[in-house]
Amino acid sequence: MRRSLKMIASALALGMGLTVGLQAQAHEFHIHHDQCGFDTDYDVQVTTAGVAFDRDGGKPSSVFMHDGRLRVDGRDIAVSAADATRLRDYEAQVRALLPEVAGIAREGVDIGFSAMSSVVATFAESPAERSRLVEKMNSRHRQALAQIDQGIGSGVWKRHAMDDMMEDGISDTVSELVSTVAASAVKAALSGDQSKVQALEARADSLDKSIDQEVDARADKLEKRADALCPRLVELDQLQQQFQFRLGDGSRLQLLNHENAHPAKAAPKQPEVASR
């Protein structure tokens, strides 16, 4: 019985971990690959009018760029022709990056719900309970995908959106699945019927194999897809390090942060350009 409980716990942890972890990756805009780790303090909104970066704390709090022009905290910043080209490149790359992040978030949600569906199929005690849980999960699944589509999928990325989705739409489904599995395990243990315990262990074995074959393979592919974003984030970081203009306080514009922050390389000195 201890073995079956351990296997169940491992399967549940994997299923829930996929749901939480893969969404968190998109939520934090945080990609890990060897020494590649980036995040941002800003909410991002991409429209035909330009790309806006906003945050509640810190300065600058508002950055807007479009077609080589830059506005910081409501004030236009004069930039050189070379920096205008870099700003256009930065904007274009952000525009291309967000849909890919949205796709990763969608696939992460799909994988997480697939894992939870395997748990339901394995441990639901009756067809009625299985049907009820599947219907609820399908509804939550649709809601989660809709939130992604309405958010980052439409060019609006907010740092806490995934947290809210987890709290409002998914955590209760996970909790119910935990209760379902725990009830099955306790029922088998208390029955004193060795055949029921063995049946539960067999179901746990089946779930373990199912997740290995179906979920792990998809998760590995998604991890590679996320890792492929790393060079693009590195390029964004390099672009922002190459900006020659400075903000009103003399600082460099830093929209993307590296988790192992390193001092920015000193850029060749240029005539100082003040905000106007």
Protein backbone atom coordinates (compact mmCIF):
# COMPACT_ATOMS: atom_id res chain seq x y z
CA MET A 1 0.00 0.00 0.00
CA ARG A 2 2.85 2.36 0.78
CA ARG A 3 4.21 1.69 -2.71
CA SER A 4 0.88 2.51 -4.34
CA LEU A 5 0.53 5.75 -2.38
CA LYS A 6 4.07 6.74 -3.35
CA MET A 7 3.37 6.10 -7.03
CA ILE A 8 0.10 8.01 -6.87
CA ALA A 9 1.82 10.93 -5.20
CA SER A 10 4.51 10.95 -7.88
CA ALA A 11 1.98 10.87 -10.69
CA LEU A 12 -0.08 13.65 -9.14
CA ALA A 13 3.01 15.74 -8.52
CA LEU A 14 4.02 15.38 -12.15
CA GLY A 15 0.56 16.22 -13.44
CA MET A 16 0.15 19.25 -11.22
CA GLY A 17 3.76 20.27 -11.68
CA LEU A 18 3.34 20.40 -15.42
CA THR A 19 0.27 22.57 -15.06
CA VAL A 20 1.87 24.94 -12.59
CA GLY A 21 5.44 24.95 -13.84
CA LEU A 22 4.81 25.40 -17.53
CA GLN A 23 2.33 28.17 -16.91
CA ALA A 24 4.72 29.85 -14.53
CA GLN A 25 7.32 29.85 -17.25
CA ALA A 26 5.07 31.96 -19.44
CA HIS A 27 3.82 33.99 -16.50
CA GLU A 28 7.29 35.08 -15.49
CA PHE A 29 8.60 35.49 -19.03
CA HIS A 30 11.45 33.49 -17.58
CA ILE A 31 13.41 31.18 -19.83
CA HIS A 32 16.19 28.90 -18.54
CA HIS A 33 18.77 27.32 -20.79
CA ASP A 34 22.24 26.78 -19.41
CA GLN A 35 23.18 30.32 -18.44
CA CYS A 36 20.24 31.91 -20.21
CA GLY A 37 17.69 33.36 -17.79
CA PHE A 38 15.67 36.49 -18.45
CA ASP A 39 12.67 38.24 -16.97
CA THR A 40 11.05 41.66 -17.05
CA ASP A 41 9.44 43.93 -14.48
CA TYR A 42 7.04 45.32 -17.06
CA ASP A 43 3.61 44.47 -18.34
CA VAL A 44 3.70 44.56 -22.14
CA GLN A 45 1.03 45.59 -24.60
CA VAL A 46 1.49 45.22 -28.35
CA THR A 47 -0.85 47.14 -30.68
CA THR A 48 -0.68 48.50 -34.20
CA ALA A 49 0.19 51.86 -32.65
CA GLY A 50 3.33 50.53 -30.95
CA VAL A 51 4.62 48.55 -27.99
CA ALA A 52 4.04 49.78 -24.44
CA PHE A 53 5.92 48.67 -21.31
CA ASP A 54 4.36 49.64 -17.97
CA ARG A 55 5.01 48.84 -14.33
CA ASP A 56 3.71 50.06 -10.98
CA GLY A 57 7.04 50.42 -9.21
CA GLY A 58 10.41 51.68 -10.35
CA LYS A 59 11.56 54.22 -12.88
CA PRO A 60 10.90 54.52 -15.68
CA SER A 61 7.34 53.35 -15.13
CA SER A 62 6.16 53.77 -18.72
CA VAL A 63 8.01 53.16 -21.98
CA PHE A 64 6.49 53.35 -25.45
CA MET A 65 8.21 52.65 -28.74
CA HIS A 66 7.08 52.64 -32.33
CA ASP A 67 8.86 52.92 -35.67
CA GLY A 68 12.12 54.10 -34.14
CA ARG A 69 10.54 56.65 -31.81
CA LEU A 70 10.69 56.44 -28.03
CA ARG A 71 8.65 57.97 -25.23
CA VAL A 72 9.57 57.47 -21.57
CA ASP A 73 7.24 58.47 -18.74
CA GLY A 74 5.31 60.66 -21.15
CA ARG A 75 8.35 62.49 -22.54
CA ASP A 76 9.83 62.02 -26.00
CA ILE A 77 13.46 60.92 -26.10
CA ALA A 78 15.61 62.09 -28.98
CA VAL A 79 17.59 59.21 -30.49
CA SER A 80 20.19 58.85 -33.20
CA ALA A 81 19.48 57.19 -36.54
CA ALA A 82 21.38 54.10 -35.36
CA ASP A 83 19.30 53.87 -32.18
CA ALA A 84 16.11 54.39 -34.18
CA THR A 85 17.07 51.32 -36.20
CA ARG A 86 17.74 49.37 -33.01
CA LEU A 87 14.37 50.45 -31.58
CA ARG A 88 12.59 49.25 -34.73
CA ASP A 89 14.39 45.93 -34.45
CA TYR A 90 13.53 45.68 -30.74
CA GLU A 91 9.87 46.39 -31.42
CA ALA A 92 9.72 43.87 -34.27
CA GLN A 93 11.29 41.16 -32.13
CA VAL A 94 8.89 41.75 -29.23
CA ARG A 95 5.98 41.58 -31.67
CA ALA A 96 7.22 38.23 -32.95
CA LEU A 97 8.10 36.88 -29.50
CA LEU A 98 4.77 37.31 -27.69
CA PRO A 99 2.75 34.98 -29.97
CA GLU A 100 5.39 32.29 -29.44
CA VAL A 101 5.19 32.72 -25.67
CA ALA A 102 1.39 32.48 -25.96
CA GLY A 103 1.77 29.23 -27.89
CA ILE A 104 4.05 27.83 -25.20
CA ALA A 105 1.55 28.83 -22.51
CA ARG A 106 -1.29 27.14 -24.41
CA GLU A 107 0.68 23.94 -24.86
CA GLY A 108 1.69 23.98 -21.19
CA VAL A 109 -1.96 24.24 -20.16
CA ASP A 110 -2.87 21.44 -22.59
CA ILE A 111 -0.19 19.18 -21.15
CA GLY A 112 -1.21 19.91 -17.58
CA PHE A 113 -4.85 19.13 -18.24
CA SER A 114 -3.86 16.02 -20.17
CA ALA A 115 -1.99 14.81 -17.08
CA MET A 116 -4.99 15.56 -14.87
CA SER A 117 -7.27 13.74 -17.32
CA SER A 118 -5.08 10.68 -16.94
CA VAL A 119 -5.49 10.91 -13.18
CA VAL A 120 -9.28 11.10 -13.56
CA ALA A 121 -9.41 8.17 -15.96
CA THR A 122 -7.28 6.09 -13.59
CA PHE A 123 -8.80 6.84 -10.19
CA ALA A 124 -12.41 7.96 -10.66
CA GLU A 125 -14.50 5.35 -8.82
CA SER A 126 -17.53 5.42 -11.09
CA PRO A 127 -18.54 6.51 -14.60
CA ALA A 128 -20.69 9.26 -13.08
CA GLU A 129 -17.78 10.66 -11.05
CA ARG A 130 -15.47 10.38 -14.02
CA SER A 131 -17.96 12.20 -16.24
CA ARG A 132 -18.45 14.96 -13.67
CA LEU A 133 -14.72 15.54 -13.23
CA VAL A 134 -14.01 15.41 -16.95
CA GLU A 135 -16.75 17.93 -17.65
CA LYS A 136 -15.39 20.25 -14.97
CA MET A 137 -11.82 19.91 -16.23
CA ASN A 138 -12.87 20.55 -19.82
CA SER A 139 -14.63 23.71 -18.72
CA ARG A 140 -11.59 24.90 -16.76
CA HIS A 141 -9.37 23.97 -19.67
CA ARG A 142 -11.42 26.10 -22.07
CA GLN A 143 -11.41 29.00 -19.63
CA ALA A 144 -7.63 28.83 -19.19
CA LEU A 145 -7.04 28.82 -22.95
CA ALA A 146 -9.49 31.70 -23.42
CA GLN A 147 -7.61 33.74 -20.81
CA ILE A 148 -4.36 33.13 -22.65
CA ASP A 149 -5.93 34.08 -25.97
CA GLN A 150 -7.48 37.24 -24.52
CA GLY A 151 -4.21 38.15 -22.82
CA ILE A 152 -0.83 37.38 -24.27
CA GLY A 153 -2.41 35.83 -27.34
CA SER A 154 -3.85 39.24 -28.22
CA GLY A 155 -0.62 41.07 -27.41
CA VAL A 156 -1.33 41.91 -23.77
CA TRP A 157 1.08 40.29 -21.32
CA LYS A 158 0.58 40.98 -17.63
CA ARG A 159 2.96 39.62 -15.04
CA HIS A 160 0.24 38.37 -12.67
CA ALA A 161 -2.28 37.09 -15.22
CA MET A 162 -1.13 33.47 -14.99
CA ASP A 163 -1.17 33.62 -11.19
CA ASP A 164 -4.78 34.77 -11.31
CA MET A 165 -5.69 32.03 -13.76
CA MET A 166 -4.11 29.42 -11.51
CA GLU A 167 -5.84 30.76 -8.41
CA ASP A 168 -9.28 31.22 -9.96
CA GLY A 169 -9.56 28.41 -12.45
CA ILE A 170 -7.17 25.54 -11.91
CA SER A 171 -6.25 25.17 -8.25
CA ASP A 172 -9.75 24.04 -7.28
CA THR A 173 -9.70 21.38 -10.00
CA VAL A 174 -6.34 20.13 -8.74
CA SER A 175 -7.65 20.07 -5.18
CA GLU A 176 -10.62 17.99 -6.24
CA LEU A 177 -8.35 15.54 -8.02
CA VAL A 178 -6.20 15.21 -4.91
CA SER A 179 -9.34 14.42 -2.92
CA THR A 180 -10.41 11.84 -5.49
CA VAL A 181 -7.07 10.04 -5.42
CA ALA A 182 -6.80 10.21 -1.64
CA ALA A 183 -10.31 8.79 -1.29
CA SER A 184 -9.43 5.87 -3.57
CA ALA A 185 -6.28 5.11 -1.61
CA VAL A 186 -7.92 5.37 1.80
CA LYS A 187 -10.87 3.26 0.67
CA ALA A 188 -8.58 0.51 -0.56
CA ALA A 189 -6.45 0.63 2.61
CA LEU A 190 -9.40 0.49 4.97
CA SER A 191 -11.14 -2.29 3.12
CA GLY A 192 -8.53 -4.80 4.17
CA ASP A 193 -9.06 -6.43 0.79
CA GLN A 194 -5.65 -7.22 -0.70
CA SER A 195 -7.14 -7.53 -4.16
CA LYS A 196 -8.34 -3.90 -3.98
CA VAL A 197 -4.92 -2.74 -2.89
CA GLN A 198 -3.33 -4.66 -5.75
CA ALA A 199 -5.87 -3.18 -8.17
CA LEU A 200 -4.99 0.31 -6.95
CA GLU A 201 -1.29 -0.43 -7.42
CA ALA A 202 -2.01 -1.69 -10.93
CA ARG A 203 -3.86 1.54 -11.72
CA ALA A 204 -0.94 3.55 -10.34
CA ASP A 205 1.43 1.55 -12.54
CA SER A 206 -0.82 2.22 -15.52
CA LEU A 207 -0.91 5.94 -14.76
CA ASP A 208 2.86 6.08 -14.39
CA LYS A 209 3.33 4.47 -17.80
CA SER A 210 0.66 6.64 -19.39
CA ILE A 211 2.30 9.83 -18.18
CA ASP A 212 5.73 8.59 -19.24
CA GLN A 213 4.52 7.77 -22.74
CA GLU A 214 2.15 10.64 -23.42
CA VAL A 215 2.84 13.57 -21.14
CA ASP A 216 6.60 13.41 -20.70
CA ALA A 217 7.22 13.34 -24.44
CA ARG A 218 5.09 16.44 -24.97
CA ALA A 219 6.72 18.18 -22.03
CA ASP A 220 10.20 17.47 -23.42
CA LYS A 221 9.22 18.96 -26.78
CA LEU A 222 7.76 22.00 -25.08
CA GLU A 223 10.90 22.49 -23.03
CA LYS A 224 12.95 22.52 -26.24
CA ARG A 225 10.50 24.98 -27.76
CA ALA A 226 10.91 27.26 -24.74
CA ASP A 227 14.69 26.89 -24.82
CA ALA A 228 14.63 28.01 -28.45
CA LEU A 229 13.48 31.43 -27.24
CA CYS A 230 16.78 31.94 -25.47
CA PRO A 231 18.78 33.24 -28.45
CA ARG A 232 15.98 35.68 -29.23
CA LEU A 233 16.02 37.01 -25.68
CA VAL A 234 19.79 37.25 -25.81
CA GLU A 235 19.45 39.33 -28.97
CA LEU A 236 16.95 41.65 -27.25
CA ASP A 237 19.35 42.03 -24.35
CA GLN A 238 22.19 42.83 -26.73
CA LEU A 239 20.07 45.45 -28.48
CA GLN A 240 19.24 47.22 -25.24
CA GLN A 241 22.91 47.14 -24.26
CA GLN A 242 23.74 48.82 -27.58
CA PHE A 243 21.36 51.75 -27.13
CA GLN A 244 23.45 54.92 -27.13
CA PHE A 245 20.79 57.26 -25.77
CA ARG A 246 20.40 57.75 -22.04
CA LEU A 247 17.41 58.53 -19.90
CA GLY A 248 16.99 61.81 -18.04
CA ASP A 249 18.96 60.53 -15.05
CA GLY A 250 21.76 59.26 -17.28
CA SER A 251 20.82 55.59 -16.94
CA ARG A 252 20.46 53.03 -19.70
CA LEU A 253 17.02 51.78 -20.73
CA GLN A 254 16.68 48.27 -19.28
CA LEU A 255 13.45 46.50 -20.23
CA LEU A 256 14.77 42.95 -19.97
CA ASN A 257 16.74 41.69 -16.97
CA HIS A 258 19.21 38.84 -16.79
CA GLU A 259 18.89 36.65 -13.69
CA ASN A 260 22.68 36.68 -13.29
CA ALA A 261 22.91 40.40 -13.63
CA HIS A 262 26.21 41.54 -14.94
CA PRO A 263 27.43 45.09 -15.25
CA ALA A 264 26.51 46.50 -18.61
CA LYS A 265 29.46 46.97 -20.87
CA ALA A 266 30.34 50.58 -21.27
CA ALA A 267 29.07 51.87 -24.58
CA PRO A 268 31.23 54.15 -26.68
CA LYS A 269 30.70 57.67 -25.52
CA GLN A 270 28.28 59.66 -27.64
CA PRO A 271 27.05 63.23 -27.38
CA GLU A 272 24.52 63.17 -24.54
CA VAL A 273 20.96 63.42 -25.73
CA ALA A 274 18.59 64.95 -23.25
CA SER A 275 14.85 64.33 -23.12
CA ARG A 276 12.66 67.00 -24.58
